[in-house]
């Protein structure tokens, strides 16, 4: 399914969140994401949080991890 690249991020990400939630049913589950301070790890963490998962973030970059945690609040 293609989405309008000019659409707000939340609108573009909604189909992916719905597919992820339906595929693995993460709502209420505990999930650990490694490499979560930036990039793909942070994107996965955001998607899991938006699907209702309880997410633990792990990374060797402590400062980046603090910034990632703040961005998820």
Protein backbone atom coordinates (compact mmCIF):
# COMPACT_ATOMS: atom_id res chain seq x y z
CA UNK A 1 0.00 0.00 0.00
CA UNK A 2 1.52 3.31 -1.06
CA UNK A 3 1.07 6.41 1.06
CA UNK A 4 1.41 10.05 0.14
CA UNK A 5 5.01 11.11 0.93
CA UNK A 6 3.68 14.58 1.76
CA UNK A 7 1.32 13.21 4.41
CA UNK A 8 2.12 13.72 8.10
CA UNK A 9 4.45 11.08 9.57
CA UNK A 10 1.69 9.61 11.77
CA UNK A 11 -0.51 9.04 8.72
CA UNK A 12 2.35 7.41 6.80
CA UNK A 13 3.25 5.14 9.72
CA UNK A 14 -0.29 4.05 10.65
CA UNK A 15 -0.49 1.16 8.12
CA UNK A 16 2.90 -0.17 9.27
CA UNK A 17 1.87 0.01 12.94
CA UNK A 18 -1.38 -1.81 12.21
CA UNK A 19 0.43 -4.50 10.23
CA UNK A 20 3.06 -4.95 12.96
CA UNK A 21 0.43 -5.20 15.69
CA UNK A 22 -1.63 -7.69 13.68
CA UNK A 23 1.41 -9.75 12.67
CA UNK A 24 2.97 -10.27 16.07
CA UNK A 25 0.37 -8.93 18.53
CA UNK A 26 2.70 -6.86 20.70
CA UNK A 27 0.10 -4.98 22.76
CA UNK A 28 0.98 -5.46 26.44
CA UNK A 29 4.03 -7.62 25.71
CA UNK A 30 7.51 -6.86 27.00
CA UNK A 31 10.08 -6.31 24.23
CA UNK A 32 13.81 -5.51 24.34
CA UNK A 33 15.30 -3.52 21.47
CA UNK A 34 19.08 -3.42 21.06
CA UNK A 35 20.77 -0.59 19.21
CA UNK A 36 17.85 1.61 20.26
CA UNK A 37 19.71 4.92 20.62
CA UNK A 38 19.29 5.77 16.95
CA UNK A 39 18.50 4.59 13.47
CA UNK A 40 16.64 1.37 12.87
CA UNK A 41 16.66 0.34 16.53
CA UNK A 42 15.00 3.60 17.58
CA UNK A 43 12.48 3.36 14.73
CA UNK A 44 11.58 -0.18 15.80
CA UNK A 45 11.25 0.94 19.43
CA UNK A 46 8.92 3.78 18.41
CA UNK A 47 6.77 1.42 16.34
CA UNK A 48 6.54 -1.09 19.20
CA UNK A 49 5.63 1.62 21.73
CA UNK A 50 2.93 2.95 19.40
CA UNK A 51 1.50 -0.60 19.17
CA UNK A 52 1.21 -0.81 22.94
CA UNK A 53 4.29 -2.88 23.78
CA UNK A 54 6.30 -2.34 26.95
CA UNK A 55 9.75 -1.62 25.50
CA UNK A 56 13.20 -1.85 27.10
CA UNK A 57 15.86 0.06 25.18
CA UNK A 58 19.49 -1.10 25.10
CA UNK A 59 22.54 0.52 23.50
CA UNK A 60 26.24 1.09 24.17
CA UNK A 61 25.73 4.85 23.57
CA UNK A 62 24.43 5.95 26.99
CA UNK A 63 23.93 9.60 25.98
CA UNK A 64 22.12 8.61 22.80
CA UNK A 65 19.98 6.22 24.79
CA UNK A 66 18.97 9.02 27.18
CA UNK A 67 17.96 11.16 24.20
CA UNK A 68 16.01 8.25 22.70
CA UNK A 69 14.14 7.70 25.98
CA UNK A 70 13.21 11.38 26.15
CA UNK A 71 11.96 11.31 22.56
CA UNK A 72 9.64 8.39 23.37
CA UNK A 73 7.95 10.13 26.32
